[in-house]
Amino acid sequence: MSPTAALNFSEPGLVTALHTATDAELDTLDFGVIGMDSLGLVRRYNRFESEAAGLSRERVVGQPLFTVVAPCMNNFMVAQRFEDAVAEQLALDDTLAYVLTLRMRPVKVRLRLLYQPGLAQRFVLVDRST
């Protein structure tokens, strides 16, 4: 069993484990993982999220998350929280109820927003089990 297989959506300290996980390890998780770099470009996109959203990894990786991949998250609830955390160099670990609306019927989810100063990637986790 890979180290990430036992991880769950609510796991404390998850940002570090996600940052060091391989793509194959991220693909074992039962929730969506979207990792982006400091420019907001998607760098990590696991199998669960790809299948749930109907967007291939090849189509998403390298694209801006908040303007191309998921513009429905380009708001004060999601994108702005990352901007504020980065500007203030404060760790971000927020979970919120959300409704995804782009390219699909509205879907209720829980999002977990993760950022740790000093790490190269930030993560949006998507729990569709709600």
N, C-alpha and C. Protein backbone atom coordinates (compact mmCIF):
# COMPACT_ATOMS: atom_id res chain seq x y z
N MET A 1 0.86 -1.18 0.00
CA MET A 1 0.00 0.00 0.00
C MET A 1 0.90 1.24 0.00
N SER A 2 0.57 2.18 -0.85
CA SER A 2 1.37 3.39 -0.91
C SER A 2 1.11 4.25 0.33
N PRO A 3 2.03 5.14 0.68
CA PRO A 3 1.84 5.99 1.85
C PRO A 3 0.60 6.86 1.77
N THR A 4 0.18 7.24 0.57
CA THR A 4 -0.97 8.12 0.44
C THR A 4 -2.30 7.38 0.46
N ALA A 5 -2.29 6.06 0.27
CA ALA A 5 -3.55 5.32 0.18
C ALA A 5 -4.39 5.46 1.44
N ALA A 6 -3.74 5.63 2.58
CA ALA A 6 -4.48 5.74 3.83
C ALA A 6 -4.91 7.18 4.12
N LEU A 7 -4.49 8.12 3.32
CA LEU A 7 -4.84 9.51 3.56
C LEU A 7 -6.30 9.76 3.23
N ASN A 8 -6.90 10.63 4.03
CA ASN A 8 -8.27 11.02 3.73
C ASN A 8 -8.34 12.52 3.57
N PHE A 9 -9.46 12.98 3.09
CA PHE A 9 -9.69 14.38 2.76
C PHE A 9 -9.41 15.30 3.96
N SER A 10 -9.73 14.86 5.15
CA SER A 10 -9.62 15.70 6.35
C SER A 10 -8.32 15.52 7.11
N GLU A 11 -7.40 14.76 6.58
CA GLU A 11 -6.14 14.44 7.25
C GLU A 11 -5.36 15.70 7.64
N PRO A 12 -4.96 15.82 8.91
CA PRO A 12 -4.11 16.96 9.30
C PRO A 12 -2.75 16.88 8.60
N GLY A 13 -2.21 18.01 8.24
CA GLY A 13 -0.88 18.04 7.62
C GLY A 13 -0.84 17.46 6.22
N LEU A 14 -1.97 17.40 5.57
CA LEU A 14 -2.06 16.77 4.25
C LEU A 14 -1.24 17.47 3.18
N VAL A 15 -1.06 18.77 3.29
CA VAL A 15 -0.36 19.51 2.24
C VAL A 15 1.06 18.98 2.03
N THR A 16 1.75 18.60 3.06
CA THR A 16 3.11 18.08 2.92
C THR A 16 3.11 16.73 2.22
N ALA A 17 2.19 15.85 2.60
CA ALA A 17 2.09 14.54 1.96
C ALA A 17 1.75 14.67 0.48
N LEU A 18 0.84 15.56 0.14
CA LEU A 18 0.47 15.76 -1.26
C LEU A 18 1.64 16.32 -2.06
N HIS A 19 2.37 17.22 -1.46
CA HIS A 19 3.50 17.86 -2.14
C HIS A 19 4.56 16.83 -2.53
N THR A 20 4.78 15.84 -1.68
CA THR A 20 5.83 14.85 -1.94
C THR A 20 5.33 13.60 -2.65
N ALA A 21 4.03 13.44 -2.79
CA ALA A 21 3.47 12.25 -3.42
C ALA A 21 3.75 12.23 -4.92
N THR A 22 3.87 11.04 -5.46
CA THR A 22 3.99 10.87 -6.91
C THR A 22 2.60 10.95 -7.54
N ASP A 23 2.55 11.11 -8.84
CA ASP A 23 1.26 11.12 -9.54
C ASP A 23 0.53 9.79 -9.32
N ALA A 24 1.27 8.69 -9.34
CA ALA A 24 0.65 7.37 -9.12
C ALA A 24 0.05 7.29 -7.72
N GLU A 25 0.71 7.85 -6.73
CA GLU A 25 0.17 7.85 -5.37
C GLU A 25 -1.07 8.73 -5.27
N LEU A 26 -1.06 9.88 -5.93
CA LEU A 26 -2.25 10.74 -5.93
C LEU A 26 -3.43 10.04 -6.58
N ASP A 27 -3.15 9.19 -7.55
CA ASP A 27 -4.22 8.47 -8.25
C ASP A 27 -4.90 7.42 -7.39
N THR A 28 -4.33 7.09 -6.23
CA THR A 28 -4.97 6.12 -5.33
C THR A 28 -5.99 6.76 -4.41
N LEU A 29 -6.04 8.09 -4.37
CA LEU A 29 -6.92 8.79 -3.44
C LEU A 29 -8.36 8.81 -3.94
N ASP A 30 -9.29 8.84 -2.99
CA ASP A 30 -10.72 8.82 -3.34
C ASP A 30 -11.35 10.20 -3.27
N PHE A 31 -10.57 11.21 -3.56
CA PHE A 31 -11.03 12.59 -3.68
C PHE A 31 -10.16 13.28 -4.72
N GLY A 32 -10.68 14.39 -5.25
CA GLY A 32 -9.95 15.11 -6.28
C GLY A 32 -8.79 15.90 -5.72
N VAL A 33 -7.69 15.92 -6.46
CA VAL A 33 -6.50 16.69 -6.09
C VAL A 33 -6.09 17.52 -7.29
N ILE A 34 -6.05 18.84 -7.08
CA ILE A 34 -5.56 19.76 -8.10
C ILE A 34 -4.44 20.56 -7.45
N GLY A 35 -3.24 20.40 -7.96
CA GLY A 35 -2.08 21.13 -7.46
C GLY A 35 -1.69 22.20 -8.46
N MET A 36 -1.41 23.39 -7.97
CA MET A 36 -1.01 24.48 -8.87
C MET A 36 0.27 25.13 -8.37
N ASP A 37 0.96 25.76 -9.30
CA ASP A 37 2.20 26.44 -8.95
C ASP A 37 1.92 27.89 -8.55
N SER A 38 2.97 28.66 -8.36
CA SER A 38 2.82 30.04 -7.89
C SER A 38 2.14 30.94 -8.91
N LEU A 39 2.09 30.53 -10.17
CA LEU A 39 1.41 31.31 -11.21
C LEU A 39 -0.04 30.89 -11.38
N GLY A 40 -0.46 29.88 -10.62
CA GLY A 40 -1.83 29.38 -10.73
C GLY A 40 -2.02 28.37 -11.84
N LEU A 41 -0.91 27.86 -12.40
CA LEU A 41 -1.00 26.85 -13.44
C LEU A 41 -1.10 25.47 -12.81
N VAL A 42 -2.00 24.66 -13.33
CA VAL A 42 -2.19 23.31 -12.79
C VAL A 42 -0.96 22.47 -13.09
N ARG A 43 -0.40 21.86 -12.05
CA ARG A 43 0.77 20.99 -12.18
C ARG A 43 0.47 19.56 -11.76
N ARG A 44 -0.55 19.37 -10.93
CA ARG A 44 -0.94 18.02 -10.47
C ARG A 44 -2.45 17.89 -10.64
N TYR A 45 -2.88 16.73 -11.12
CA TYR A 45 -4.30 16.51 -11.36
C TYR A 45 -4.51 15.00 -11.29
N ASN A 46 -5.16 14.55 -10.24
CA ASN A 46 -5.24 13.10 -10.06
C ASN A 46 -6.38 12.46 -10.85
N ARG A 47 -6.32 11.14 -10.92
CA ARG A 47 -7.29 10.36 -11.69
C ARG A 47 -8.72 10.59 -11.21
N PHE A 48 -8.93 10.61 -9.90
CA PHE A 48 -10.28 10.80 -9.36
C PHE A 48 -10.89 12.09 -9.90
N GLU A 49 -10.15 13.17 -9.83
CA GLU A 49 -10.68 14.46 -10.29
C GLU A 49 -10.88 14.46 -11.81
N SER A 50 -9.97 13.86 -12.53
CA SER A 50 -10.10 13.79 -13.98
C SER A 50 -11.39 13.06 -14.38
N GLU A 51 -11.64 11.92 -13.76
CA GLU A 51 -12.84 11.15 -14.09
C GLU A 51 -14.11 11.86 -13.63
N ALA A 52 -14.10 12.46 -12.45
CA ALA A 52 -15.28 13.13 -11.92
C ALA A 52 -15.63 14.38 -12.73
N ALA A 53 -14.62 15.12 -13.15
CA ALA A 53 -14.85 16.36 -13.89
C ALA A 53 -14.97 16.14 -15.39
N GLY A 54 -14.52 14.98 -15.86
CA GLY A 54 -14.57 14.70 -17.29
C GLY A 54 -13.53 15.47 -18.08
N LEU A 55 -12.44 15.82 -17.42
CA LEU A 55 -11.34 16.54 -18.07
C LEU A 55 -10.06 15.73 -17.95
N SER A 56 -9.42 15.45 -19.07
CA SER A 56 -8.20 14.65 -19.03
C SER A 56 -7.05 15.43 -18.40
N ARG A 57 -6.13 14.68 -17.83
CA ARG A 57 -4.92 15.28 -17.25
C ARG A 57 -4.18 16.10 -18.31
N GLU A 58 -4.10 15.55 -19.52
CA GLU A 58 -3.38 16.23 -20.60
C GLU A 58 -4.02 17.58 -20.95
N ARG A 59 -5.32 17.65 -20.84
CA ARG A 59 -6.04 18.89 -21.16
C ARG A 59 -5.89 19.95 -20.07
N VAL A 60 -5.66 19.52 -18.83
CA VAL A 60 -5.67 20.42 -17.68
C VAL A 60 -4.28 20.89 -17.25
N VAL A 61 -3.32 19.97 -17.21
CA VAL A 61 -1.98 20.32 -16.71
C VAL A 61 -1.35 21.38 -17.60
N GLY A 62 -0.85 22.43 -16.95
CA GLY A 62 -0.23 23.55 -17.65
C GLY A 62 -1.19 24.71 -17.89
N GLN A 63 -2.46 24.51 -17.61
CA GLN A 63 -3.47 25.54 -17.82
C GLN A 63 -3.72 26.32 -16.52
N PRO A 64 -4.10 27.59 -16.61
CA PRO A 64 -4.44 28.36 -15.41
C PRO A 64 -5.72 27.80 -14.76
N LEU A 65 -5.64 27.49 -13.48
CA LEU A 65 -6.78 26.89 -12.80
C LEU A 65 -7.98 27.80 -12.78
N PHE A 66 -7.80 29.04 -12.35
CA PHE A 66 -8.94 29.90 -12.08
C PHE A 66 -9.52 30.63 -13.29
N THR A 67 -8.85 30.59 -14.43
CA THR A 67 -9.39 31.26 -15.62
C THR A 67 -9.74 30.31 -16.75
N VAL A 68 -9.09 29.14 -16.81
CA VAL A 68 -9.34 28.20 -17.90
C VAL A 68 -9.99 26.91 -17.40
N VAL A 69 -9.42 26.29 -16.39
CA VAL A 69 -9.89 24.98 -15.93
C VAL A 69 -11.15 25.10 -15.08
N ALA A 70 -11.14 25.97 -14.10
CA ALA A 70 -12.28 26.09 -13.18
C ALA A 70 -12.59 27.55 -12.87
N PRO A 71 -13.05 28.31 -13.87
CA PRO A 71 -13.37 29.71 -13.61
C PRO A 71 -14.47 29.88 -12.56
N CYS A 72 -15.23 28.84 -12.29
CA CYS A 72 -16.26 28.93 -11.24
C CYS A 72 -15.64 29.06 -9.85
N MET A 73 -14.32 28.85 -9.74
CA MET A 73 -13.62 29.03 -8.46
C MET A 73 -12.88 30.37 -8.41
N ASN A 74 -13.00 31.17 -9.45
CA ASN A 74 -12.29 32.44 -9.50
C ASN A 74 -13.11 33.51 -8.78
N ASN A 75 -13.11 33.44 -7.46
CA ASN A 75 -13.92 34.34 -6.65
C ASN A 75 -13.30 34.52 -5.27
N PHE A 76 -13.96 35.26 -4.42
CA PHE A 76 -13.43 35.54 -3.09
C PHE A 76 -13.40 34.31 -2.20
N MET A 77 -14.22 33.32 -2.49
CA MET A 77 -14.27 32.13 -1.65
C MET A 77 -13.09 31.18 -1.87
N VAL A 78 -12.54 31.17 -3.08
CA VAL A 78 -11.47 30.22 -3.40
C VAL A 78 -10.20 30.96 -3.83
N ALA A 79 -10.19 31.52 -5.02
CA ALA A 79 -8.97 32.14 -5.55
C ALA A 79 -8.44 33.24 -4.64
N GLN A 80 -9.32 34.06 -4.11
CA GLN A 80 -8.88 35.17 -3.26
C GLN A 80 -8.25 34.67 -1.97
N ARG A 81 -8.72 33.56 -1.45
CA ARG A 81 -8.11 33.01 -0.22
C ARG A 81 -6.65 32.62 -0.46
N PHE A 82 -6.38 32.05 -1.63
CA PHE A 82 -5.00 31.72 -1.96
C PHE A 82 -4.17 32.99 -2.10
N GLU A 83 -4.70 33.98 -2.82
CA GLU A 83 -3.98 35.24 -3.00
C GLU A 83 -3.66 35.89 -1.66
N ASP A 84 -4.62 35.93 -0.76
CA ASP A 84 -4.41 36.54 0.55
C ASP A 84 -3.36 35.78 1.36
N ALA A 85 -3.44 34.46 1.37
CA ALA A 85 -2.49 33.64 2.12
C ALA A 85 -1.07 33.84 1.60
N VAL A 86 -0.92 33.87 0.29
CA VAL A 86 0.41 34.07 -0.30
C VAL A 86 0.93 35.46 0.02
N ALA A 87 0.10 36.47 -0.13
CA ALA A 87 0.52 37.85 0.14
C ALA A 87 0.97 38.03 1.58
N GLU A 88 0.28 37.37 2.50
CA GLU A 88 0.60 37.49 3.92
C GLU A 88 1.56 36.41 4.41
N GLN A 89 1.91 35.48 3.51
CA GLN A 89 2.77 34.34 3.85
C GLN A 89 2.25 33.60 5.08
N LEU A 90 0.96 33.29 5.05
CA LEU A 90 0.29 32.55 6.11
C LEU A 90 -0.20 31.22 5.55
N ALA A 91 -0.08 30.18 6.35
CA ALA A 91 -0.58 28.87 5.94
C ALA A 91 -2.09 28.95 5.73
N LEU A 92 -2.57 28.21 4.75
CA LEU A 92 -4.00 28.15 4.45
C LEU A 92 -4.43 26.70 4.52
N ASP A 93 -5.45 26.43 5.30
CA ASP A 93 -6.06 25.10 5.38
C ASP A 93 -7.53 25.32 5.72
N ASP A 94 -8.33 25.61 4.70
CA ASP A 94 -9.76 25.89 4.87
C ASP A 94 -10.59 24.86 4.13
N THR A 95 -11.67 24.46 4.76
CA THR A 95 -12.63 23.56 4.11
C THR A 95 -13.96 24.29 4.02
N LEU A 96 -14.58 24.22 2.85
CA LEU A 96 -15.84 24.92 2.67
C LEU A 96 -16.80 24.13 1.79
N ALA A 97 -18.08 24.30 2.07
CA ALA A 97 -19.11 23.75 1.19
C ALA A 97 -19.14 24.60 -0.07
N TYR A 98 -19.29 23.95 -1.22
CA TYR A 98 -19.20 24.67 -2.48
C TYR A 98 -20.08 23.98 -3.51
N VAL A 99 -20.41 24.69 -4.57
CA VAL A 99 -21.15 24.12 -5.69
C VAL A 99 -20.35 24.37 -6.96
N LEU A 100 -19.91 23.30 -7.59
CA LEU A 100 -19.22 23.40 -8.88
C LEU A 100 -20.26 23.53 -9.97
N THR A 101 -20.02 24.43 -10.92
CA THR A 101 -21.04 24.69 -11.93
C THR A 101 -20.55 24.65 -13.37
N LEU A 102 -19.27 24.66 -13.61
CA LEU A 102 -18.78 24.75 -14.98
C LEU A 102 -18.78 23.39 -15.66
N ARG A 103 -19.25 23.35 -16.91
CA ARG A 103 -19.21 22.15 -17.76
C ARG A 103 -20.01 20.98 -17.21
N MET A 104 -20.85 21.22 -16.24
CA MET A 104 -21.61 20.12 -15.65
C MET A 104 -22.82 20.69 -14.95
N ARG A 105 -23.72 19.82 -14.58
CA ARG A 105 -24.82 20.28 -13.75
C ARG A 105 -24.23 20.67 -12.40
N PRO A 106 -24.88 21.54 -11.67
CA PRO A 106 -24.35 21.93 -10.36
C PRO A 106 -24.14 20.71 -9.45
N VAL A 107 -22.95 20.65 -8.85
CA VAL A 107 -22.59 19.52 -8.00
C VAL A 107 -22.13 20.07 -6.65
N LYS A 108 -22.79 19.62 -5.58
CA LYS A 108 -22.37 20.02 -4.24
C LYS A 108 -21.14 19.22 -3.85
N VAL A 109 -20.13 19.95 -3.37
CA VAL A 109 -18.87 19.34 -2.96
C VAL A 109 -18.37 20.03 -1.69
N ARG A 110 -17.33 19.49 -1.14
CA ARG A 110 -16.53 20.19 -0.13
C ARG A 110 -15.18 20.44 -0.77
N LEU A 111 -14.69 21.66 -0.65
CA LEU A 111 -13.35 22.00 -1.12
C LEU A 111 -12.45 22.18 0.09
N ARG A 112 -11.24 21.74 -0.04
CA ARG A 112 -10.22 22.02 0.98
C ARG A 112 -9.09 22.75 0.27
N LEU A 113 -8.79 23.94 0.75
CA LEU A 113 -7.77 24.80 0.17
C LEU A 113 -6.51 24.71 1.02
N LEU A 114 -5.40 24.33 0.41
CA LEU A 114 -4.16 24.11 1.15
C LEU A 114 -3.00 24.89 0.55
N TYR A 115 -2.33 25.64 1.42
CA TYR A 115 -1.12 26.35 1.02
C TYR A 115 -0.20 26.41 2.24
N GLN A 116 1.05 26.13 2.01
CA GLN A 116 2.06 26.21 3.07
C GLN A 116 3.22 27.04 2.53
N PRO A 117 3.50 28.20 3.15
CA PRO A 117 4.65 28.99 2.69
C PRO A 117 5.90 28.12 2.62
N GLY A 118 6.66 28.31 1.56
CA GLY A 118 7.89 27.54 1.37
C GLY A 118 7.72 26.32 0.49
N LEU A 119 6.48 25.87 0.28
CA LEU A 119 6.24 24.74 -0.62
C LEU A 119 5.88 25.28 -2.00
N ALA A 120 6.31 24.57 -3.03
CA ALA A 120 6.14 25.06 -4.40
C ALA A 120 4.72 24.97 -4.91
N GLN A 121 3.90 24.11 -4.31
CA GLN A 121 2.55 23.93 -4.83
C GLN A 121 1.48 24.23 -3.80
N ARG A 122 0.33 24.65 -4.31
CA ARG A 122 -0.88 24.86 -3.51
C ARG A 122 -1.89 23.85 -4.03
N PHE A 123 -2.84 23.48 -3.20
CA PHE A 123 -3.78 22.43 -3.59
C PHE A 123 -5.23 22.82 -3.34
N VAL A 124 -6.07 22.41 -4.28
CA VAL A 124 -7.51 22.42 -4.09
C VAL A 124 -7.92 20.96 -4.09
N LEU A 125 -8.51 20.52 -2.99
CA LEU A 125 -9.02 19.16 -2.89
C LEU A 125 -10.53 19.20 -3.06
N VAL A 126 -11.07 18.19 -3.74
CA VAL A 126 -12.50 18.17 -4.03
C VAL A 126 -13.09 16.86 -3.51
N ASP A 127 -13.98 16.99 -2.54
CA ASP A 127 -14.68 15.83 -1.96
C ASP A 127 -16.10 15.84 -2.49
N ARG A 128 -16.41 14.85 -3.30
CA ARG A 128 -17.74 14.75 -3.90
C ARG A 128 -18.67 13.80 -3.14
N SER A 129 -18.25 13.34 -1.98
CA SER A 129 -19.06 12.37 -1.23
C SER A 129 -20.14 13.03 -0.37
N THR A 130 -20.27 14.35 -0.47
CA THR A 130 -21.26 15.04 0.37
C THR A 130 -22.67 14.83 -0.11
